[in-house]
Amino acid sequence: MLTCTKPEMVALLGEFIRSTSDVRELKRALAVRMAIAGKPYGEIAELLEVYKSFITRWKQEFYEKGIEGLKLGYHGRKSHL
């Protein structure tokens, strides 16, 4: 469980946003950062073209697991060739 202040969470998410190269992780982090900053879910959903449930899910994952909760879990299988 994440135990940071809101400014610390926003800073942590900002670092992750600058460092990630995956669009899906970026969208998750942006949605969570905007939600924590107090932006209405409707605006976030429209801006990022996601559902409100997307925002709720990833915000909860972030609170439970931190940045690791926003990262992709499956990175594919290595080629046998």
Foldseek 3Di string as FASTA:
>chain_A
DDDDDLVVLLVLLVVVLVPDPDPQLNLLSVLLNCVSVPDDLVVSCVVSVHDSVSSVVSNVLCRVPNSVSSDDDDDDDDDPD
